[in-house]
Amino acid sequence: MTAATQAQAGTGQPPSKLVTQDIVVGSGPAATPADTVDVQYTGTLYSNGTVFDSSWSRGEPATFPLNGVVPGFAQGIEGMQVGGRRVLVIPPDLGYGNRSSGPIPGGSTLVFVVDLVGINT
């Protein structure tokens, strides 16, 4: 994993709304809420930069229906074009809320670096 595919710990108060930042704007089709997408991603905790999941470390993209992931991830991918890289900062109310999920403590702000590899329609 390189620094380009992993976010560092956030600074200051975490945002209360979804934040997206395009690092690379893709040139392919744009994802819609009804799509199933192929993505490479690394998820980290805003609080300390700890990686909780990474498709890059597994060596292959993950496939997700956007209607089957946490709302902030789906909203953050919507409109993204294939070939793009985007950073998503997802507040708890658009992530897992106050409940813990595996290595993610309840109330966590999540940061994803996501490459949109493909769209399955």
PDB file of N, CA and C in Angstrom:
ATOM      1  N   MET A   1       0.842  -1.170   0.000  1.00  0.00           N
ATOM      2  CA  MET A   1       0.000   0.000   0.000  1.00  0.00           C
ATOM      3  C   MET A   1       0.893   1.241   0.000  1.00  0.00           C
ATOM      4  N   THR A   2       0.513   2.218  -0.781  1.00  0.00           N
ATOM      5  CA  THR A   2       1.293   3.455  -0.821  1.00  0.00           C
ATOM      6  C   THR A   2       0.514   4.568  -0.153  1.00  0.00           C
ATOM      7  N   ALA A   3       1.209   5.643   0.147  1.00  0.00           N
ATOM      8  CA  ALA A   3       0.548   6.783   0.777  1.00  0.00           C
ATOM      9  C   ALA A   3      -0.592   7.289  -0.087  1.00  0.00           C
ATOM     10  N   ALA A   4      -0.488   7.127  -1.386  1.00  0.00           N
ATOM     11  CA  ALA A   4      -1.535   7.615  -2.280  1.00  0.00           C
ATOM     12  C   ALA A   4      -2.835   6.839  -2.117  1.00  0.00           C
ATOM     13  N   THR A   5      -2.765   5.618  -1.598  1.00  0.00           N
ATOM     14  CA  THR A   5      -3.970   4.806  -1.460  1.00  0.00           C
ATOM     15  C   THR A   5      -4.433   4.692  -0.016  1.00  0.00           C
ATOM     16  N   GLN A   6      -3.816   5.427   0.886  1.00  0.00           N
ATOM     17  CA  GLN A   6      -4.199   5.359   2.296  1.00  0.00           C
ATOM     18  C   GLN A   6      -4.222   6.753   2.886  1.00  0.00           C
ATOM     19  N   ALA A   7      -5.321   7.096   3.552  1.00  0.00           N
ATOM     20  CA  ALA A   7      -5.439   8.397   4.194  1.00  0.00           C
ATOM     21  C   ALA A   7      -4.712   8.384   5.534  1.00  0.00           C
ATOM     22  N   GLN A   8      -4.240   9.540   5.923  1.00  0.00           N
ATOM     23  CA  GLN A   8      -3.640   9.714   7.242  1.00  0.00           C
ATOM     24  C   GLN A   8      -4.751  10.086   8.224  1.00  0.00           C
ATOM     25  N   ALA A   9      -4.422  10.132   9.503  1.00  0.00           N
ATOM     26  CA  ALA A   9      -5.392  10.562  10.506  1.00  0.00           C
ATOM     27  C   ALA A   9      -5.848  11.977  10.183  1.00  0.00           C
ATOM     28  N   GLY A  10      -7.115  12.259  10.481  1.00  0.00           N
ATOM     29  CA  GLY A  10      -7.637  13.601  10.268  1.00  0.00           C
ATOM     30  C   GLY A  10      -7.102  14.563  11.310  1.00  0.00           C
ATOM     31  N   THR A  11      -7.286  15.834  11.043  1.00  0.00           N
ATOM     32  CA  THR A  11      -6.880  16.852  12.008  1.00  0.00           C
ATOM     33  C   THR A  11      -8.089  17.694  12.369  1.00  0.00           C
ATOM     34  N   GLY A  12      -8.152  18.116  13.618  1.00  0.00           N
ATOM     35  CA  GLY A  12      -9.271  18.931  14.067  1.00  0.00           C
ATOM     36  C   GLY A  12     -10.534  18.103  14.214  1.00  0.00           C
ATOM     37  N   GLN A  13     -11.634  18.823  14.381  1.00  0.00           N
ATOM     38  CA  GLN A  13     -12.933  18.169  14.528  1.00  0.00           C
ATOM     39  C   GLN A  13     -13.302  17.466  13.225  1.00  0.00           C
ATOM     40  N   PRO A  14     -13.787  16.239  13.304  1.00  0.00           N
ATOM     41  CA  PRO A  14     -14.225  15.571  12.077  1.00  0.00           C
ATOM     42  C   PRO A  14     -15.455  16.275  11.508  1.00  0.00           C
ATOM     43  N   PRO A  15     -15.621  16.234  10.192  1.00  0.00           N
ATOM     44  CA  PRO A  15     -16.775  16.896   9.583  1.00  0.00           C
ATOM     45  C   PRO A  15     -18.077  16.196   9.988  1.00  0.00           C
ATOM     46  N   SER A  16     -19.156  16.976  10.013  1.00  0.00           N
ATOM     47  CA  SER A  16     -20.464  16.412  10.365  1.00  0.00           C
ATOM     48  C   SER A  16     -21.257  16.029   9.118  1.00  0.00           C
ATOM     49  N   LYS A  17     -20.761  16.389   7.950  1.00  0.00           N
ATOM     50  CA  LYS A  17     -21.396  16.033   6.682  1.00  0.00           C
ATOM     51  C   LYS A  17     -20.398  15.275   5.823  1.00  0.00           C
ATOM     52  N   LEU A  18     -20.902  14.521   4.849  1.00  0.00           N
ATOM     53  CA  LEU A  18     -20.048  13.798   3.910  1.00  0.00           C
ATOM     54  C   LEU A  18     -19.149  14.779   3.169  1.00  0.00           C
ATOM     55  N   VAL A  19     -17.862  14.447   3.095  1.00  0.00           N
ATOM     56  CA  VAL A  19     -16.896  15.249   2.332  1.00  0.00           C
ATOM     57  C   VAL A  19     -16.303  14.354   1.252  1.00  0.00           C
ATOM     58  N   THR A  20     -16.309  14.842   0.008  1.00  0.00           N
ATOM     59  CA  THR A  20     -15.666  14.102  -1.075  1.00  0.00           C
ATOM     60  C   THR A  20     -14.640  15.008  -1.738  1.00  0.00           C
ATOM     61  N   GLN A  21     -13.539  14.402  -2.157  1.00  0.00           N
ATOM     62  CA  GLN A  21     -12.497  15.145  -2.870  1.00  0.00           C
ATOM     63  C   GLN A  21     -11.957  14.261  -3.980  1.00  0.00           C
ATOM     64  N   ASP A  22     -12.105  14.731  -5.208  1.00  0.00           N
ATOM     65  CA  ASP A  22     -11.559  13.992  -6.338  1.00  0.00           C
ATOM     66  C   ASP A  22     -10.056  14.226  -6.412  1.00  0.00           C
ATOM     67  N   ILE A  23      -9.296  13.134  -6.405  1.00  0.00           N
ATOM     68  CA  ILE A  23      -7.845  13.185  -6.575  1.00  0.00           C
ATOM     69  C   ILE A  23      -7.545  13.029  -8.063  1.00  0.00           C
ATOM     70  N   VAL A  24      -8.263  12.106  -8.701  1.00  0.00           N
ATOM     71  CA  VAL A  24      -8.191  11.896 -10.143  1.00  0.00           C
ATOM     72  C   VAL A  24      -9.631  11.845 -10.639  1.00  0.00           C
ATOM     73  N   VAL A  25      -9.951  12.640 -11.657  1.00  0.00           N
ATOM     74  CA  VAL A  25     -11.280  12.585 -12.255  1.00  0.00           C
ATOM     75  C   VAL A  25     -11.238  11.557 -13.379  1.00  0.00           C
ATOM     76  N   GLY A  26     -12.129  10.578 -13.296  1.00  0.00           N
ATOM     77  CA  GLY A  26     -12.173   9.532 -14.305  1.00  0.00           C
ATOM     78  C   GLY A  26     -12.768  10.043 -15.606  1.00  0.00           C
ATOM     79  N   SER A  27     -12.660   9.213 -16.628  1.00  0.00           N
ATOM     80  CA  SER A  27     -13.201   9.592 -17.937  1.00  0.00           C
ATOM     81  C   SER A  27     -14.255   8.603 -18.408  1.00  0.00           C
ATOM     82  N   GLY A  28     -14.577   7.605 -17.580  1.00  0.00           N
ATOM     83  CA  GLY A  28     -15.567   6.600 -17.956  1.00  0.00           C
ATOM     84  C   GLY A  28     -16.957   6.994 -17.510  1.00  0.00           C
ATOM     85  N   PRO A  29     -17.884   6.044 -17.573  1.00  0.00           N
ATOM     86  CA  PRO A  29     -19.252   6.319 -17.142  1.00  0.00           C
ATOM     87  C   PRO A  29     -19.312   6.651 -15.649  1.00  0.00           C
ATOM     88  N   ALA A  30     -20.354   7.391 -15.256  1.00  0.00           N
ATOM     89  CA  ALA A  30     -20.541   7.791 -13.862  1.00  0.00           C
ATOM     90  C   ALA A  30     -21.431   6.789 -13.135  1.00  0.00           C
ATOM     91  N   ALA A  31     -21.094   6.531 -11.877  1.00  0.00           N
ATOM     92  CA  ALA A  31     -21.863   5.602 -11.051  1.00  0.00           C
ATOM     93  C   ALA A  31     -23.187   6.232 -10.619  1.00  0.00           C
ATOM     94  N   THR A  32     -24.239   5.409 -10.606  1.00  0.00           N
ATOM     95  CA  THR A  32     -25.548   5.834 -10.119  1.00  0.00           C
ATOM     96  C   THR A  32     -25.903   4.987  -8.905  1.00  0.00           C
ATOM     97  N   PRO A  33     -26.884   5.413  -8.102  1.00  0.00           N
ATOM     98  CA  PRO A  33     -27.241   4.667  -6.892  1.00  0.00           C
ATOM     99  C   PRO A  33     -27.678   3.228  -7.152  1.00  0.00           C
ATOM    100  N   ALA A  34     -28.143   2.933  -8.347  1.00  0.00           N
ATOM    101  CA  ALA A  34     -28.625   1.588  -8.666  1.00  0.00           C
ATOM    102  C   ALA A  34     -27.516   0.649  -9.136  1.00  0.00           C
ATOM    103  N   ASP A  35     -26.293   1.172  -9.312  1.00  0.00           N
ATOM    104  CA  ASP A  35     -25.203   0.375  -9.871  1.00  0.00           C
ATOM    105  C   ASP A  35     -24.535  -0.537  -8.848  1.00  0.00           C
ATOM    106  N   THR A  36     -23.920  -1.590  -9.375  1.00  0.00           N
ATOM    107  CA  THR A  36     -22.965  -2.397  -8.641  1.00  0.00           C
ATOM    108  C   THR A  36     -21.601  -1.989  -9.180  1.00  0.00           C
ATOM    109  N   VAL A  37     -20.683  -1.666  -8.281  1.00  0.00           N
ATOM    110  CA  VAL A  37     -19.396  -1.113  -8.701  1.00  0.00           C
ATOM    111  C   VAL A  37     -18.246  -2.025  -8.312  1.00  0.00           C
ATOM    112  N   ASP A  38     -17.168  -1.953  -9.100  1.00  0.00           N
ATOM    113  CA  ASP A  38     -15.895  -2.590  -8.776  1.00  0.00           C
ATOM    114  C   ASP A  38     -14.973  -1.476  -8.305  1.00  0.00           C
ATOM    115  N   VAL A  39     -14.461  -1.600  -7.090  1.00  0.00           N
ATOM    116  CA  VAL A  39     -13.621  -0.555  -6.507  1.00  0.00           C
ATOM    117  C   VAL A  39     -12.375  -1.154  -5.862  1.00  0.00           C
ATOM    118  N   GLN A  40     -11.322  -0.375  -5.883  1.00  0.00           N
ATOM    119  CA  GLN A  40     -10.164  -0.609  -5.024  1.00  0.00           C
ATOM    120  C   GLN A  40     -10.259   0.453  -3.943  1.00  0.00           C
ATOM    121  N   TYR A  41     -10.037   0.084  -2.695  1.00  0.00           N
ATOM    122  CA  TYR A  41     -10.205   1.067  -1.625  1.00  0.00           C
ATOM    123  C   TYR A  41      -9.364   0.705  -0.417  1.00  0.00           C
ATOM    124  N   THR A  42      -9.122   1.722   0.395  1.00  0.00           N
ATOM    125  CA  THR A  42      -8.592   1.542   1.737  1.00  0.00           C
ATOM    126  C   THR A  42      -9.458   2.372   2.666  1.00  0.00           C
ATOM    127  N   GLY A  43      -9.928   1.754   3.742  1.00  0.00           N
ATOM    128  CA  GLY A  43     -10.705   2.456   4.762  1.00  0.00           C
ATOM    129  C   GLY A  43      -9.870   2.647   6.002  1.00  0.00           C
ATOM    130  N   THR A  44      -9.850   3.883   6.507  1.00  0.00           N
ATOM    131  CA  THR A  44      -9.098   4.201   7.721  1.00  0.00           C
ATOM    132  C   THR A  44      -9.997   4.963   8.691  1.00  0.00           C
ATOM    133  N   LEU A  45      -9.590   4.969   9.949  1.00  0.00           N
ATOM    134  CA  LEU A  45     -10.292   5.739  10.965  1.00  0.00           C
ATOM    135  C   LEU A  45      -9.763   7.167  10.969  1.00  0.00           C
ATOM    136  N   TYR A  46     -10.669   8.129  10.909  1.00  0.00           N
ATOM    137  CA  TYR A  46     -10.294   9.548  10.936  1.00  0.00           C
ATOM    138  C   TYR A  46      -9.497   9.875  12.201  1.00  0.00           C
ATOM    139  N   SER A  47      -9.877   9.254  13.303  1.00  0.00           N
ATOM    140  CA  SER A  47      -9.287   9.591  14.601  1.00  0.00           C
ATOM    141  C   SER A  47      -7.794   9.314  14.692  1.00  0.00           C
ATOM    142  N   ASN A  48      -7.328   8.213  14.045  1.00  0.00           N
ATOM    143  CA  ASN A  48      -5.912   7.862  14.212  1.00  0.00           C
ATOM    144  C   ASN A  48      -5.252   7.280  12.961  1.00  0.00           C
ATOM    145  N   GLY A  49      -5.981   7.189  11.849  1.00  0.00           N
ATOM    146  CA  GLY A  49      -5.395   6.691  10.605  1.00  0.00           C
ATOM    147  C   GLY A  49      -5.245   5.181  10.533  1.00  0.00           C
ATOM    148  N   THR A  50      -5.794   4.444  11.509  1.00  0.00           N
ATOM    149  CA  THR A  50      -5.705   2.987  11.496  1.00  0.00           C
ATOM    150  C   THR A  50      -6.500   2.418  10.320  1.00  0.00           C
ATOM    151  N   VAL A  51      -5.866   1.539   9.549  1.00  0.00           N
ATOM    152  CA  VAL A  51      -6.549   0.878   8.439  1.00  0.00           C
ATOM    153  C   VAL A  51      -7.461  -0.205   9.001  1.00  0.00           C
ATOM    154  N   PHE A  52      -8.743  -0.193   8.601  1.00  0.00           N
ATOM    155  CA  PHE A  52      -9.658  -1.249   9.028  1.00  0.00           C
ATOM    156  C   PHE A  52     -10.030  -2.190   7.889  1.00  0.00           C
ATOM    157  N   ASP A  53      -9.777  -1.787   6.646  1.00  0.00           N
ATOM    158  CA  ASP A  53     -10.062  -2.666   5.515  1.00  0.00           C
ATOM    159  C   ASP A  53      -9.370  -2.103   4.271  1.00  0.00           C
ATOM    160  N   SER A  54      -8.924  -3.007   3.392  1.00  0.00           N
ATOM    161  CA  SER A  54      -8.278  -2.568   2.164  1.00  0.00           C
ATOM    162  C   SER A  54      -8.353  -3.645   1.093  1.00  0.00           C
ATOM    163  N   SER A  55      -8.998  -3.316  -0.018  1.00  0.00           N
ATOM    164  CA  SER A  55      -9.003  -4.258  -1.142  1.00  0.00           C
ATOM    165  C   SER A  55      -7.621  -4.305  -1.786  1.00  0.00           C
ATOM    166  N   TRP A  56      -6.876  -3.189  -1.722  1.00  0.00           N
ATOM    167  CA  TRP A  56      -5.527  -3.189  -2.282  1.00  0.00           C
ATOM    168  C   TRP A  56      -4.662  -4.246  -1.603  1.00  0.00           C
ATOM    169  N   SER A  57      -4.814  -4.401  -0.293  1.00  0.00           N
ATOM    170  CA  SER A  57      -3.993  -5.392   0.411  1.00  0.00           C
ATOM    171  C   SER A  57      -4.376  -6.818   0.023  1.00  0.00           C
ATOM    172  N   ARG A  58      -5.599  -7.004  -0.456  1.00  0.00           N
ATOM    173  CA  ARG A  58      -6.029  -8.328  -0.922  1.00  0.00           C
ATOM    174  C   ARG A  58      -5.649  -8.566  -2.379  1.00  0.00           C
ATOM    175  N   GLY A  59      -5.238  -7.503  -3.075  1.00  0.00           N
ATOM    176  CA  GLY A  59      -4.744  -7.650  -4.437  1.00  0.00           C
ATOM    177  C   GLY A  59      -5.797  -7.712  -5.520  1.00  0.00           C
ATOM    178  N   GLU A  60      -7.049  -7.454  -5.176  1.00  0.00           N
ATOM    179  CA  GLU A  60      -8.083  -7.439  -6.211  1.00  0.00           C
ATOM    180  C   GLU A  60      -9.217  -6.509  -5.804  1.00  0.00           C
ATOM    181  N   PRO A  61      -9.908  -5.943  -6.806  1.00  0.00           N
ATOM    182  CA  PRO A  61     -11.022  -5.040  -6.501  1.00  0.00           C
ATOM    183  C   PRO A  61     -12.155  -5.762  -5.780  1.00  0.00           C
ATOM    184  N   ALA A  62     -12.927  -4.992  -5.053  1.00  0.00           N
ATOM    185  CA  ALA A  62     -14.136  -5.494  -4.402  1.00  0.00           C
ATOM    186  C   ALA A  62     -15.332  -5.052  -5.235  1.00  0.00           C
ATOM    187  N   THR A  63     -16.394  -5.850  -5.209  1.00  0.00           N
ATOM    188  CA  THR A  63     -17.609  -5.531  -5.941  1.00  0.00           C
ATOM    189  C   THR A  63     -18.730  -5.318  -4.933  1.00  0.00           C
ATOM    190  N   PHE A  64     -19.387  -4.146  -5.024  1.00  0.00           N
ATOM    191  CA  PHE A  64     -20.465  -3.793  -4.101  1.00  0.00           C
ATOM    192  C   PHE A  64     -21.656  -3.238  -4.857  1.00  0.00           C
ATOM    193  N   PRO A  65     -22.880  -3.661  -4.505  1.00  0.00           N
ATOM    194  CA  PRO A  65     -24.047  -2.911  -4.973  1.00  0.00           C
ATOM    195  C   PRO A  65     -24.130  -1.644  -4.113  1.00  0.00           C
ATOM    196  N   LEU A  66     -24.266  -0.490  -4.715  1.00  0.00           N
ATOM    197  CA  LEU A  66     -24.276   0.748  -3.935  1.00  0.00           C
ATOM    198  C   LEU A  66     -25.467   0.828  -2.987  1.00  0.00           C
ATOM    199  N   ASN A  67     -26.522   0.067  -3.262  1.00  0.00           N
ATOM    200  CA  ASN A  67     -27.646   0.075  -2.333  1.00  0.00           C
ATOM    201  C   ASN A  67     -27.434  -0.897  -1.175  1.00  0.00           C
ATOM    202  N   GLY A  68     -26.236  -1.503  -1.084  1.00  0.00           N
ATOM    203  CA  GLY A  68     -25.955  -2.460  -0.026  1.00  0.00           C
ATOM    204  C   GLY A  68     -24.799  -2.070   0.877  1.00  0.00           C
ATOM    205  N   VAL A  69     -24.349  -0.827   0.796  1.00  0.00           N
ATOM    206  CA  VAL A  69     -23.235  -0.351   1.625  1.00  0.00           C
ATOM    207  C   VAL A  69     -23.726   0.795   2.507  1.00  0.00           C
ATOM    208  N   VAL A  70     -22.880   1.240   3.447  1.00  0.00           N
ATOM    209  CA  VAL A  70     -23.291   2.358   4.306  1.00  0.00           C
ATOM    210  C   VAL A  70     -23.624   3.567   3.432  1.00  0.00           C
ATOM    211  N   PRO A  71     -24.596   4.379   3.861  1.00  0.00           N
ATOM    212  CA  PRO A  71     -25.064   5.489   3.022  1.00  0.00           C
ATOM    213  C   PRO A  71     -23.960   6.438   2.560  1.00  0.00           C
ATOM    214  N   GLY A  72     -23.002   6.751   3.423  1.00  0.00           N
ATOM    215  CA  GLY A  72     -21.945   7.685   3.034  1.00  0.00           C
ATOM    216  C   GLY A  72     -21.073   7.147   1.918  1.00  0.00           C
ATOM    217  N   PHE A  73     -20.831   5.836   1.913  1.00  0.00           N
ATOM    218  CA  PHE A  73     -20.028   5.237   0.843  1.00  0.00           C
ATOM    219  C   PHE A  73     -20.806   5.326  -0.463  1.00  0.00           C
ATOM    220  N   ALA A  74     -22.087   4.963  -0.435  1.00  0.00           N
ATOM    221  CA  ALA A  74     -22.913   5.018  -1.639  1.00  0.00           C
ATOM    222  C   ALA A  74     -23.008   6.448  -2.174  1.00  0.00           C
ATOM    223  N   GLN A  75     -23.286   7.404  -1.281  1.00  0.00           N
ATOM    224  CA  GLN A  75     -23.410   8.801  -1.704  1.00  0.00           C
ATOM    225  C   GLN A  75     -22.084   9.338  -2.221  1.00  0.00           C
ATOM    226  N   GLY A  76     -20.988   8.887  -1.627  1.00  0.00           N
ATOM    227  CA  GLY A  76     -19.670   9.359  -2.045  1.00  0.00           C
ATOM    228  C   GLY A  76     -19.240   8.839  -3.405  1.00  0.00           C
ATOM    229  N   ILE A  77     -19.708   7.657  -3.773  1.00  0.00           N
ATOM    230  CA  ILE A  77     -19.358   7.058  -5.069  1.00  0.00           C
ATOM    231  C   ILE A  77     -20.282   7.573  -6.179  1.00  0.00           C
ATOM    232  N   GLU A  78     -21.509   7.912  -5.818  1.00  0.00           N
ATOM    233  CA  GLU A  78     -22.474   8.386  -6.809  1.00  0.00           C
ATOM    234  C   GLU A  78     -21.891   9.562  -7.605  1.00  0.00           C
ATOM    235  N   GLY A  79     -21.974   9.468  -8.919  1.00  0.00           N
ATOM    236  CA  GLY A  79     -21.461  10.523  -9.797  1.00  0.00           C
ATOM    237  C   GLY A  79     -19.988  10.386 -10.134  1.00  0.00           C
ATOM    238  N   MET A  80     -19.285   9.522  -9.419  1.00  0.00           N
ATOM    239  CA  MET A  80     -17.862   9.293  -9.694  1.00  0.00           C
ATOM    240  C   MET A  80     -17.737   8.552 -11.016  1.00  0.00           C
ATOM    241  N   GLN A  81     -16.718   8.909 -11.810  1.00  0.00           N
ATOM    242  CA  GLN A  81     -16.518   8.277 -13.102  1.00  0.00           C
ATOM    243  C   GLN A  81     -15.451   7.189 -13.023  1.00  0.00           C
ATOM    244  N   VAL A  82     -15.668   6.118 -13.810  1.00  0.00           N
ATOM    245  CA  VAL A  82     -14.703   5.023 -13.885  1.00  0.00           C
ATOM    246  C   VAL A  82     -13.332   5.601 -14.244  1.00  0.00           C
ATOM    247  N   GLY A  83     -12.318   5.115 -13.536  1.00  0.00           N
ATOM    248  CA  GLY A  83     -10.958   5.601 -13.726  1.00  0.00           C
ATOM    249  C   GLY A  83     -10.578   6.678 -12.729  1.00  0.00           C
ATOM    250  N   GLY A  84     -11.532   7.102 -11.905  1.00  0.00           N
ATOM    251  CA  GLY A  84     -11.268   8.158 -10.932  1.00  0.00           C
ATOM    252  C   GLY A  84     -10.819   7.631  -9.588  1.00  0.00           C
ATOM    253  N   ARG A  85     -10.215   8.523  -8.816  1.00  0.00           N
ATOM    254  CA  ARG A  85      -9.850   8.261  -7.418  1.00  0.00           C
ATOM    255  C   ARG A  85     -10.447   9.376  -6.583  1.00  0.00           C
ATOM    256  N   ARG A  86     -11.112   8.982  -5.501  1.00  0.00           N
ATOM    257  CA  ARG A  86     -11.804   9.960  -4.659  1.00  0.00           C
ATOM    258  C   ARG A  86     -11.547   9.622  -3.200  1.00  0.00           C
ATOM    259  N   VAL A  87     -11.419  10.670  -2.385  1.00  0.00           N
ATOM    260  CA  VAL A  87     -11.348  10.512  -0.935  1.00  0.00           C
ATOM    261  C   VAL A  87     -12.732  10.834  -0.372  1.00  0.00           C
ATOM    262  N   LEU A  88     -13.230   9.943   0.486  1.00  0.00           N
ATOM    263  CA  LEU A  88     -14.519  10.123   1.149  1.00  0.00           C
ATOM    264  C   LEU A  88     -14.285  10.226   2.649  1.00  0.00           C
ATOM    265  N   VAL A  89     -14.839  11.245   3.273  1.00  0.00           N
ATOM    266  CA  VAL A  89     -14.817  11.355   4.729  1.00  0.00           C
ATOM    267  C   VAL A  89     -16.274  11.222   5.166  1.00  0.00           C
ATOM    268  N   ILE A  90     -16.564  10.124   5.868  1.00  0.00           N
ATOM    269  CA  ILE A  90     -17.937   9.743   6.178  1.00  0.00           C
ATOM    270  C   ILE A  90     -18.191   9.899   7.675  1.00  0.00           C
ATOM    271  N   PRO A  91     -19.099  10.821   8.047  1.00  0.00           N
ATOM    272  CA  PRO A  91     -19.420  10.973   9.474  1.00  0.00           C
ATOM    273  C   PRO A  91     -20.192   9.750   9.985  1.00  0.00           C
ATOM    274  N   PRO A  92     -20.203   9.549  11.300  1.00  0.00           N
ATOM    275  CA  PRO A  92     -20.852   8.358  11.858  1.00  0.00           C
ATOM    276  C   PRO A  92     -22.295   8.153  11.406  1.00  0.00           C
ATOM    277  N   ASP A  93     -23.089   9.229  11.280  1.00  0.00           N
ATOM    278  CA  ASP A  93     -24.501   9.039  10.939  1.00  0.00           C
ATOM    279  C   ASP A  93     -24.698   8.550   9.506  1.00  0.00           C
ATOM    280  N   LEU A  94     -23.665   8.624   8.662  1.00  0.00           N
ATOM    281  CA  LEU A  94     -23.723   8.065   7.311  1.00  0.00           C
ATOM    282  C   LEU A  94     -22.861   6.804   7.192  1.00  0.00           C
ATOM    283  N   GLY A  95     -22.300   6.387   8.339  1.00  0.00           N
ATOM    284  CA  GLY A  95     -21.488   5.176   8.386  1.00  0.00           C
ATOM    285  C   GLY A  95     -22.169   4.131   9.244  1.00  0.00           C
ATOM    286  N   TYR A  96     -21.523   3.774  10.355  1.00  0.00           N
ATOM    287  CA  TYR A  96     -22.058   2.739  11.232  1.00  0.00           C
ATOM    288  C   TYR A  96     -22.730   3.304  12.483  1.00  0.00           C
ATOM    289  N   GLY A  97     -22.874   4.628  12.545  1.00  0.00           N
ATOM    290  CA  GLY A  97     -23.533   5.241  13.697  1.00  0.00           C
ATOM    291  C   GLY A  97     -22.778   4.970  14.978  1.00  0.00           C
ATOM    292  N   ASN A  98     -23.511   4.705  16.038  1.00  0.00           N
ATOM    293  CA  ASN A  98     -22.892   4.459  17.344  1.00  0.00           C
ATOM    294  C   ASN A  98     -22.587   3.002  17.597  1.00  0.00           C
ATOM    295  N   ARG A  99     -22.880   2.131  16.614  1.00  0.00           N
ATOM    296  CA  ARG A  99     -22.588   0.710  16.827  1.00  0.00           C
ATOM    297  C   ARG A  99     -21.219   0.359  16.238  1.00  0.00           C
ATOM    298  N   SER A 100     -20.538  -0.532  16.903  1.00  0.00           N
ATOM    299  CA  SER A 100     -19.250  -1.010  16.410  1.00  0.00           C
ATOM    300  C   SER A 100     -19.489  -2.021  15.302  1.00  0.00           C
ATOM    301  N   SER A 101     -18.556  -2.094  14.361  1.00  0.00           N
ATOM    302  CA  SER A 101     -18.635  -3.075  13.283  1.00  0.00           C
ATOM    303  C   SER A 101     -17.227  -3.621  13.066  1.00  0.00           C
ATOM    304  N   GLY A 102     -16.977  -4.833  13.580  1.00  0.00           N
ATOM    305  CA  GLY A 102     -15.638  -5.416  13.475  1.00  0.00           C
ATOM    306  C   GLY A 102     -14.617  -4.493  14.127  1.00  0.00           C
ATOM    307  N   PRO A 103     -13.579  -4.090  13.368  1.00  0.00           N
ATOM    308  CA  PRO A 103     -12.526  -3.248  13.941  1.00  0.00           C
ATOM    309  C   PRO A 103     -12.899  -1.764  14.015  1.00  0.00           C
ATOM    310  N   ILE A 104     -14.135  -1.415  13.633  1.00  0.00           N
ATOM    311  CA  ILE A 104     -14.557  -0.011  13.618  1.00  0.00           C
ATOM    312  C   ILE A 104     -15.337   0.287  14.902  1.00  0.00           C
ATOM    313  N   PRO A 105     -14.791   1.146  15.770  1.00  0.00           N
ATOM    314  CA  PRO A 105     -15.514   1.496  16.998  1.00  0.00           C
ATOM    315  C   PRO A 105     -16.779   2.306  16.679  1.00  0.00           C
ATOM    316  N   GLY A 106     -17.799   2.179  17.506  1.00  0.00           N
ATOM    317  CA  GLY A 106     -18.999   2.988  17.354  1.00  0.00           C
ATOM    318  C   GLY A 106     -18.654   4.474  17.378  1.00  0.00           C
ATOM    319  N   GLY A 107     -19.389   5.256  16.612  1.00  0.00           N
ATOM    320  CA  GLY A 107     -19.181   6.698  16.572  1.00  0.00           C
ATOM    321  C   GLY A 107     -18.006   7.137  15.730  1.00  0.00           C
ATOM    322  N   SER A 108     -17.463   6.246  14.914  1.00  0.00           N
ATOM    323  CA  SER A 108     -16.260   6.571  14.131  1.00  0.00           C
ATOM    324  C   SER A 108     -16.579   7.337  12.850  1.00  0.00           C
ATOM    325  N   THR A 109     -15.738   8.321  12.564  1.00  0.00           N
ATOM    326  CA  THR A 109     -15.708   8.960  11.247  1.00  0.00           C
ATOM    327  C   THR A 109     -14.757   8.126  10.407  1.00  0.00           C
ATOM    328  N   LEU A 110     -15.185   7.777   9.200  1.00  0.00           N
ATOM    329  CA  LEU A 110     -14.416   6.900   8.320  1.00  0.00           C
ATOM    330  C   LEU A 110     -13.839   7.689   7.162  1.00  0.00           C
ATOM    331  N   VAL A 111     -12.644   7.290   6.725  1.00  0.00           N
ATOM    332  CA  VAL A 111     -12.013   7.909   5.563  1.00  0.00           C
ATOM    333  C   VAL A 111     -11.666   6.800   4.572  1.00  0.00           C
ATOM    334  N   PHE A 112     -12.146   6.941   3.349  1.00  0.00           N
ATOM    335  CA  PHE A 112     -11.850   5.981   2.296  1.00  0.00           C
ATOM    336  C   PHE A 112     -11.110   6.671   1.168  1.00  0.00           C
ATOM    337  N   VAL A 113     -10.103   6.000   0.633  1.00  0.00           N
ATOM    338  CA  VAL A 113      -9.515   6.358  -0.656  1.00  0.00           C
ATOM    339  C   VAL A 113     -10.022   5.290  -1.609  1.00  0.00           C
ATOM    340  N   VAL A 114     -10.750   5.718  -2.652  1.00  0.00           N
ATOM    341  CA  VAL A 114     -11.454   4.790  -3.525  1.00  0.00           C
ATOM    342  C   VAL A 114     -11.090   5.033  -4.990  1.00  0.00           C
ATOM    343  N   ASP A 115     -10.725   3.974  -5.695  1.00  0.00           N
ATOM    344  CA  ASP A 115     -10.600   4.004  -7.154  1.00  0.00           C
ATOM    345  C   ASP A 115     -11.813   3.287  -7.720  1.00  0.00           C
ATOM    346  N   LEU A 116     -12.545   3.937  -8.620  1.00  0.00           N
ATOM    347  CA  LEU A 116     -13.668   3.286  -9.288  1.00  0.00           C
ATOM    348  C   LEU A 116     -13.120   2.574 -10.525  1.00  0.00           C
ATOM    349  N   VAL A 117     -13.089   1.250 -10.450  1.00  0.00           N
ATOM    350  CA  VAL A 117     -12.486   0.415 -11.491  1.00  0.00           C
ATOM    351  C   VAL A 117     -13.494   0.077 -12.584  1.00  0.00           C
ATOM    352  N   GLY A 118     -14.763  -0.158 -12.187  1.00  0.00           N
ATOM    353  CA  GLY A 118     -15.760  -0.540 -13.176  1.00  0.00           C
ATOM    354  C   GLY A 118     -17.160  -0.428 -12.612  1.00  0.00           C
ATOM    355  N   ILE A 119     -18.135  -0.452 -13.524  1.00  0.00           N
ATOM    356  CA  ILE A 119     -19.550  -0.430 -13.164  1.00  0.00           C
ATOM    357  C   ILE A 119     -20.219  -1.624 -13.840  1.00  0.00           C
ATOM    358  N   ASN A 120     -20.968  -2.387 -13.062  1.00  0.00           N
ATOM    359  CA  ASN A 120     -21.733  -3.516 -13.579  1.00  0.00           C
ATOM    360  C   ASN A 120     -23.194  -3.115 -13.590  1.00  0.00           C
ATOM    361  N   THR A 121     -23.793  -3.055 -14.754  1.00  0.00           N
ATOM    362  CA  THR A 121     -25.196  -2.616 -14.816  1.00  0.00           C
ATOM    363  C   THR A 121     -26.124  -3.787 -15.002  1.00  0.00           C
TER     364      THR A 121
END
